[in-house]
Amino acid sequence: MHVSEAAALALATRLLEEHGAPHDHAALQARVLVTAEMKGHPSHGLYRLPRLVERIERGVIDPQTKGTQRWRADAVLEVEGSSGFGPIVAMSAIERLAPHIPDLGIGLVAVRNANHLGMLAHYVEAIAAMGFVGIALSSSEALVHPLGGTRAMLGTNPIAIAVPTAKEPLVLDLATSLVPMGRIHHYATTGRPIPEGWARDAAGNPTTDPERAKAGAIAPFGDAKGYGLGIALELLVAALAGSALAPDAHGTLDSQSPCNKGDVFILIEPSLAPGLPERLSTYLDAVRASPPAGAGEPVLVPGDRARRRRVAASRNGFEIDQRLWEDLNARSRPRILAFEGQRS
């Protein structure tokens, strides 16, 4: 069925408010979920909302806290997330650090024990909008097998980078696993098999059954490259945030465990070289204008496809599983219409 951005935001915000979230907390958490839908990543979208509600009900999300912040050094803000919403804890800390970056040149936020962030692009885009280069790292429970292994030992350990230019920023957002575990959960929810090569089951055998994959392990992307980057980020996030390593981490994919993974955000003042933002934009436009490998398939740079999807979804709405929409409405007191004027 088709859903408008406004309807999705209204329902998600209201549902979180009904479960004790202040309006600004509910609105930001809802925005992160709905933007993921609009960008074409439902694995990080509204399908996660029922789990957030259940986590609030079971006391493993505190919907009111922003966490506790302390300066560990002039350029390092350490945050105890205290089981708060990931986006609330993260953005509160980023906004506190940002005014210091013109003097510091570079600063870092290290968060532990906050809940799932959603797409990391949200945070680096916000940092780029402030005029800074943004880097975001996050960890998770053990979901990825090492190269040559079969047992989950690493997190999906995503990384996102945004570089401001004279036009739209360059935005890279990727997991070091072949796919995020959330995408496998989404396949399971919709009853579709996953592609071959994505995952192994609990016995270490390759599988296309998403339910079996949920109990097993995802492959690292790019073999040795994704594995090497993933294990480096595993240690880097834990070293900076003091958070759990993957075998001892939990709370991003269940409804009952406190979340104890880590998140790191780096803000960097870009060079003041004359004309630099324009040169960056010109370079990206040259990449886009370079000869495509396939007819009718223009070259894109990271962030282009998601940006276009978001613009289209803002105008026309986006598709959502009807069962999920009905479940969300059933959990909220007032019923929210999907999209007047659009067929469902």
Protein backbone atom coordinates (compact mmCIF):
# COMPACT_ATOMS: atom_id res chain seq x y z
CA MET A 1 0.00 0.00 0.00
CA HIS A 2 1.01 3.63 -0.50
CA VAL A 3 1.74 5.93 2.46
CA SER A 4 2.49 9.64 2.55
CA GLU A 5 5.43 11.08 4.44
CA ALA A 6 3.07 13.15 6.59
CA ALA A 7 0.88 10.17 7.51
CA ALA A 8 3.88 8.02 8.38
CA LEU A 9 5.45 10.72 10.54
CA ALA A 10 2.14 11.42 12.29
CA LEU A 11 1.54 7.77 13.15
CA ALA A 12 5.10 7.02 14.28
CA THR A 13 5.33 10.18 16.37
CA ARG A 14 1.94 9.65 18.01
CA LEU A 15 2.68 6.00 18.79
CA LEU A 16 5.94 6.90 20.54
CA GLU A 17 4.29 9.77 22.44
CA GLU A 18 1.59 7.38 23.62
CA HIS A 19 4.38 5.29 25.14
CA GLY A 20 5.94 8.11 27.11
CA ALA A 21 8.28 9.86 24.69
CA PRO A 22 8.36 13.68 24.81
CA HIS A 23 7.20 15.18 21.53
CA ASP A 24 10.66 16.26 20.35
CA HIS A 25 12.11 12.82 21.11
CA ALA A 26 9.22 11.06 19.37
CA ALA A 27 9.42 13.35 16.35
CA LEU A 28 13.16 12.81 15.83
CA GLN A 29 12.98 9.03 16.26
CA ALA A 30 10.03 8.95 13.86
CA ARG A 31 11.89 11.11 11.35
CA VAL A 32 14.86 8.72 11.31
CA LEU A 33 12.58 5.73 10.64
CA VAL A 34 10.46 7.44 7.99
CA THR A 35 13.47 8.89 6.17
CA ALA A 36 14.91 5.37 5.87
CA GLU A 37 11.64 4.29 4.22
CA MET A 38 11.76 7.26 1.87
CA LYS A 39 15.33 6.45 0.87
CA GLY A 40 14.35 2.89 0.00
CA HIS A 41 15.73 1.14 3.09
CA PRO A 42 12.68 -0.35 4.86
CA SER A 43 14.98 -2.62 6.88
CA HIS A 44 15.83 0.50 8.91
CA GLY A 45 12.37 1.98 8.69
CA LEU A 46 8.94 1.56 10.25
CA TYR A 47 9.26 -2.19 10.60
CA ARG A 48 11.49 -1.37 13.60
CA LEU A 49 8.80 0.71 15.29
CA PRO A 50 6.89 -2.16 16.96
CA ARG A 51 10.16 -3.34 18.48
CA LEU A 52 10.89 0.14 19.81
CA VAL A 53 7.46 0.23 21.43
CA GLU A 54 7.99 -3.22 22.97
CA ARG A 55 11.40 -2.15 24.26
CA ILE A 56 9.82 0.87 25.96
CA GLU A 57 7.13 -1.35 27.47
CA ARG A 58 9.76 -3.74 28.81
CA GLY A 59 11.90 -1.00 30.28
CA VAL A 60 14.95 -1.38 28.02
CA ILE A 61 14.37 1.99 26.36
CA ASP A 62 14.04 5.13 28.43
CA PRO A 63 12.14 7.38 26.01
CA GLN A 64 12.84 10.54 28.01
CA THR A 65 16.61 10.54 28.51
CA LYS A 66 19.28 12.21 26.40
CA GLY A 67 22.00 10.29 28.21
CA THR A 68 24.74 11.73 30.40
CA GLN A 69 27.56 13.68 28.78
CA ARG A 70 31.02 14.52 30.11
CA TRP A 71 34.14 15.98 28.54
CA ARG A 72 36.85 13.33 28.54
CA ALA A 73 39.22 15.77 26.83
CA ASP A 74 38.88 19.15 25.13
CA ALA A 75 37.81 17.47 21.88
CA VAL A 76 36.22 14.27 23.20
CA LEU A 77 32.66 14.15 24.52
CA GLU A 78 31.88 10.87 26.28
CA VAL A 79 28.24 9.83 26.56
CA GLU A 80 26.54 7.22 28.73
CA GLY A 81 23.42 6.56 26.69
CA SER A 82 21.39 5.25 29.64
CA SER A 83 19.13 3.21 27.32
CA GLY A 84 17.84 6.29 25.52
CA PHE A 85 16.66 6.40 21.91
CA GLY A 86 19.78 6.22 19.74
CA PRO A 87 18.93 9.29 17.62
CA ILE A 88 18.13 11.43 20.69
CA VAL A 89 21.32 10.55 22.55
CA ALA A 90 23.47 10.96 19.42
CA MET A 91 22.07 14.25 18.13
CA SER A 92 22.09 15.82 21.60
CA ALA A 93 25.82 15.09 21.87
CA ILE A 94 26.62 16.14 18.31
CA GLU A 95 24.83 19.45 18.83
CA ARG A 96 26.77 20.05 22.05
CA LEU A 97 30.13 19.35 20.39
CA ALA A 98 29.51 21.22 17.12
CA PRO A 99 29.98 24.81 18.42
CA HIS A 100 33.51 23.88 19.57
CA ILE A 101 34.71 22.54 16.22
CA PRO A 102 35.74 25.88 14.65
CA ASP A 103 38.20 26.32 17.54
CA LEU A 104 39.22 22.67 17.92
CA GLY A 105 39.43 21.73 14.26
CA ILE A 106 38.26 18.21 15.07
CA GLY A 107 36.13 16.61 17.79
CA LEU A 108 34.74 13.23 18.70
CA VAL A 109 31.62 11.91 20.40
CA ALA A 110 31.85 8.42 21.93
CA VAL A 111 28.54 6.84 23.00
CA ARG A 112 27.84 3.60 24.83
CA ASN A 113 24.59 1.97 25.94
CA ALA A 114 22.23 3.91 23.66
CA ASN A 115 19.67 2.20 21.46
CA HIS A 116 19.78 1.56 17.72
CA LEU A 117 20.67 4.60 15.61
CA GLY A 118 18.99 3.62 12.35
CA MET A 119 20.74 4.71 9.16
CA LEU A 120 24.05 6.43 9.93
CA ALA A 121 23.51 8.75 6.96
CA HIS A 122 21.11 10.78 9.10
CA TYR A 123 23.91 11.86 11.44
CA VAL A 124 26.62 12.63 8.91
CA GLU A 125 24.12 14.56 6.78
CA ALA A 126 23.27 16.63 9.85
CA ILE A 127 26.97 17.23 10.51
CA ALA A 128 27.57 18.23 6.88
CA ALA A 129 24.64 20.66 7.11
CA MET A 130 26.58 22.33 9.96
CA GLY A 131 29.49 22.81 7.56
CA PHE A 132 31.71 20.00 8.87
CA VAL A 133 32.99 16.72 7.54
CA GLY A 134 31.13 13.97 9.38
CA ILE A 135 32.15 10.39 10.13
CA ALA A 136 29.92 7.95 12.01
CA LEU A 137 30.73 4.44 13.22
CA SER A 138 28.55 1.97 15.08
CA SER A 139 28.79 -1.58 16.39
CA SER A 140 26.28 -4.36 17.02
CA GLU A 141 25.91 -7.83 18.44
CA ALA A 142 27.80 -10.68 16.70
CA LEU A 143 26.10 -11.08 13.32
CA VAL A 144 28.95 -11.52 10.82
CA HIS A 145 31.26 -14.48 10.36
CA PRO A 146 34.99 -13.87 9.85
CA LEU A 147 36.54 -14.61 6.48
CA GLY A 148 37.01 -18.36 6.33
CA GLY A 149 34.69 -18.90 9.32
CA THR A 150 31.07 -19.88 9.85
CA ARG A 151 30.18 -18.51 13.31
CA ALA A 152 29.06 -14.92 13.93
CA MET A 153 31.93 -13.11 15.68
CA LEU A 154 31.73 -9.50 14.41
CA GLY A 155 29.06 -6.85 14.30
CA THR A 156 27.76 -5.45 11.02
CA ASN A 157 29.80 -2.38 12.04
CA PRO A 158 28.58 0.28 9.61
CA ILE A 159 30.45 3.43 8.67
CA ALA A 160 29.12 6.64 7.16
CA ILE A 161 30.99 9.67 5.80
CA ALA A 162 29.63 12.99 4.59
CA VAL A 163 31.73 15.71 2.95
CA PRO A 164 30.10 19.12 2.40
CA THR A 165 30.47 20.69 -1.02
CA ALA A 166 29.06 23.77 -2.75
CA LYS A 167 26.00 21.65 -3.64
CA GLU A 168 24.75 18.49 -1.98
CA PRO A 169 27.25 16.69 0.28
CA LEU A 170 28.83 13.42 -0.69
CA VAL A 171 27.19 10.83 1.60
CA LEU A 172 28.52 7.29 1.97
CA ASP A 173 26.69 4.88 4.30
CA LEU A 174 27.53 1.19 4.31
CA ALA A 175 27.74 -1.83 6.57
CA THR A 176 30.88 -3.94 6.61
CA SER A 177 28.66 -7.00 6.31
CA LEU A 178 27.38 -7.99 2.88
CA VAL A 179 23.95 -6.75 4.01
CA PRO A 180 22.59 -5.39 7.31
CA MET A 181 20.89 -7.97 9.53
CA GLY A 182 17.86 -5.68 9.47
CA ARG A 183 17.46 -6.46 5.77
CA ILE A 184 17.38 -10.19 6.50
CA HIS A 185 14.75 -9.56 9.20
CA HIS A 186 12.79 -7.57 6.62
CA TYR A 187 12.92 -10.50 4.17
CA ALA A 188 11.68 -12.77 6.95
CA THR A 189 8.81 -10.39 7.74
CA THR A 190 7.74 -10.30 4.09
CA GLY A 191 8.21 -14.04 3.60
CA ARG A 192 10.82 -13.84 0.82
CA PRO A 193 13.98 -15.96 0.46
CA ILE A 194 17.30 -14.11 0.67
CA PRO A 195 19.81 -14.28 -2.21
CA GLU A 196 22.46 -16.98 -2.18
CA GLY A 197 25.73 -16.01 -0.55
CA TRP A 198 24.26 -13.60 1.99
CA ALA A 199 24.30 -15.81 5.06
CA ARG A 200 24.87 -19.14 6.80
CA ASP A 201 22.54 -20.87 9.24
CA ALA A 202 23.33 -21.76 12.85
CA ALA A 203 25.07 -24.95 11.72
CA GLY A 204 27.36 -22.97 9.41
CA ASN A 205 25.68 -24.05 6.17
CA PRO A 206 24.81 -21.58 3.38
CA THR A 207 21.10 -20.73 3.41
CA THR A 208 18.50 -18.69 1.54
CA ASP A 209 15.96 -19.03 4.38
CA PRO A 210 15.87 -15.69 6.23
CA GLU A 211 14.59 -17.32 9.44
CA ARG A 212 17.57 -19.69 9.47
CA ALA A 213 19.88 -16.82 8.57
CA LYS A 214 18.63 -14.82 11.56
CA ALA A 215 20.04 -17.53 13.82
CA GLY A 216 23.26 -17.81 11.84
CA ALA A 217 25.80 -15.40 10.40
CA ILE A 218 26.06 -12.89 7.54
CA ALA A 219 29.04 -12.80 5.18
CA PRO A 220 31.42 -9.81 5.26
CA PHE A 221 31.32 -7.72 2.08
CA GLY A 222 34.21 -8.03 -0.33
CA ASP A 223 35.76 -11.01 1.43
CA ALA A 224 39.06 -9.93 3.05
CA LYS A 225 38.38 -6.20 2.57
CA GLY A 226 35.04 -6.14 4.37
CA TYR A 227 36.28 -8.54 7.02
CA GLY A 228 39.40 -6.47 7.69
CA LEU A 229 37.49 -3.20 7.86
CA GLY A 230 34.78 -4.77 10.02
CA ILE A 231 37.16 -6.14 12.63
CA ALA A 232 39.13 -2.88 12.68
CA LEU A 233 35.93 -0.92 13.36
CA GLU A 234 34.92 -3.50 15.98
CA LEU A 235 38.02 -2.68 18.01
CA LEU A 236 38.01 1.04 17.21
CA VAL A 237 34.44 1.64 18.46
CA ALA A 238 35.00 -0.45 21.59
CA ALA A 239 38.31 1.31 22.31
CA LEU A 240 36.80 4.78 21.97
CA ALA A 241 33.36 4.22 23.52
CA GLY A 242 34.20 1.55 26.10
CA SER A 243 31.34 -0.52 24.72
CA ALA A 244 30.91 -4.29 24.47
CA LEU A 245 32.58 -6.31 21.75
CA ALA A 246 30.26 -8.19 19.42
CA PRO A 247 30.08 -11.56 21.23
CA ASP A 248 28.92 -9.75 24.38
CA ALA A 249 26.75 -7.09 22.71
CA HIS A 250 22.97 -7.23 22.40
CA GLY A 251 19.86 -5.10 22.13
CA THR A 252 19.59 -3.88 18.51
CA LEU A 253 17.44 -6.72 17.17
CA ASP A 254 15.42 -7.96 20.15
CA SER A 255 12.75 -6.56 22.46
CA GLN A 256 14.12 -7.51 25.86
CA SER A 257 17.88 -6.91 26.17
CA PRO A 258 19.45 -3.58 27.21
CA CYS A 259 21.47 -2.20 24.29
CA ASN A 260 25.21 -2.09 25.03
CA LYS A 261 26.85 -1.45 21.64
CA GLY A 262 28.90 1.66 20.87
CA ASP A 263 28.67 4.64 18.51
CA VAL A 264 31.33 7.14 17.47
CA PHE A 265 30.87 10.45 15.65
CA ILE A 266 33.74 12.57 14.35
CA LEU A 267 33.29 16.21 13.32
CA ILE A 268 36.07 17.88 11.30
CA GLU A 269 36.45 21.49 10.19
CA PRO A 270 37.16 21.41 6.44
CA SER A 271 39.99 23.33 4.83
CA LEU A 272 39.45 27.04 4.18
CA ALA A 273 41.29 26.81 0.85
CA PRO A 274 39.71 29.32 -1.58
CA GLY A 275 37.09 27.77 -3.83
CA LEU A 276 37.36 24.30 -2.24
CA PRO A 277 33.60 23.60 -1.96
CA GLU A 278 33.15 24.50 -5.63
CA ARG A 279 36.09 22.29 -6.65
CA LEU A 280 34.59 19.36 -4.76
CA SER A 281 31.23 19.84 -6.45
CA THR A 282 32.84 20.18 -9.88
CA TYR A 283 34.74 16.94 -9.34
CA LEU A 284 31.59 15.04 -8.32
CA ASP A 285 29.77 16.40 -11.38
CA ALA A 286 32.67 15.21 -13.56
CA VAL A 287 32.39 11.73 -12.05
CA ARG A 288 28.65 11.71 -12.81
CA ALA A 289 29.33 12.87 -16.37
CA SER A 290 31.94 10.17 -17.01
CA PRO A 291 31.08 7.47 -19.59
CA PRO A 292 28.64 4.86 -18.20
CA ALA A 293 29.24 1.15 -18.61
CA GLY A 294 25.63 0.54 -19.62
CA ALA A 295 23.33 2.56 -21.86
CA GLY A 296 20.71 4.45 -19.89
CA GLU A 297 22.51 3.85 -16.59
CA PRO A 298 24.29 7.09 -15.69
CA VAL A 299 27.18 7.12 -13.25
CA LEU A 300 26.15 8.06 -9.71
CA VAL A 301 28.15 9.03 -6.64
CA PRO A 302 27.35 7.81 -3.11
CA GLY A 303 24.16 9.40 -1.81
CA ASP A 304 22.62 10.21 -5.22
CA ARG A 305 20.21 7.30 -5.39
CA ALA A 306 18.97 7.71 -1.81
CA ARG A 307 18.54 11.45 -2.33
CA ARG A 308 16.45 10.93 -5.47
CA ARG A 309 14.29 8.33 -3.76
CA ARG A 310 13.69 10.67 -0.85
CA VAL A 311 12.64 13.53 -3.13
CA ALA A 312 10.25 11.25 -5.03
CA ALA A 313 8.81 9.83 -1.80
CA SER A 314 8.29 13.31 -0.40
CA ARG A 315 6.19 14.11 -3.45
CA ASN A 316 4.45 10.80 -4.07
CA GLY A 317 4.69 8.78 -0.86
CA PHE A 318 6.23 5.32 -0.54
CA GLU A 319 5.20 1.68 -0.44
CA ILE A 320 4.77 -0.09 2.88
CA ASP A 321 3.57 -3.57 3.75
CA GLN A 322 -0.15 -3.31 4.50
CA ARG A 323 0.12 -5.71 7.44
CA LEU A 324 2.75 -3.51 9.07
CA TRP A 325 0.68 -0.35 8.57
CA GLU A 326 -2.39 -2.03 10.05
CA ASP A 327 -0.35 -3.32 13.00
CA LEU A 328 1.00 0.18 13.71
CA ASN A 329 -2.51 1.63 13.53
CA ALA A 330 -3.80 -1.08 15.86
CA ARG A 331 -1.14 -0.10 18.41
CA SER A 332 -2.13 3.59 18.27
CA ARG A 333 -5.44 4.96 19.47
CA PRO A 334 -6.38 7.28 16.56
CA ARG A 335 -6.25 5.65 13.13
CA ILE A 336 -4.03 7.43 10.57
CA LEU A 337 -5.08 7.29 6.93
CA ALA A 338 -2.43 6.05 4.52
CA PHE A 339 -2.50 8.42 1.57
CA GLU A 340 -5.65 10.14 0.38
CA GLY A 341 -5.89 10.10 -3.37
CA GLN A 342 -3.51 7.15 -3.76
CA ARG A 343 -4.59 3.57 -4.32
CA SER A 344 -3.62 1.01 -1.68
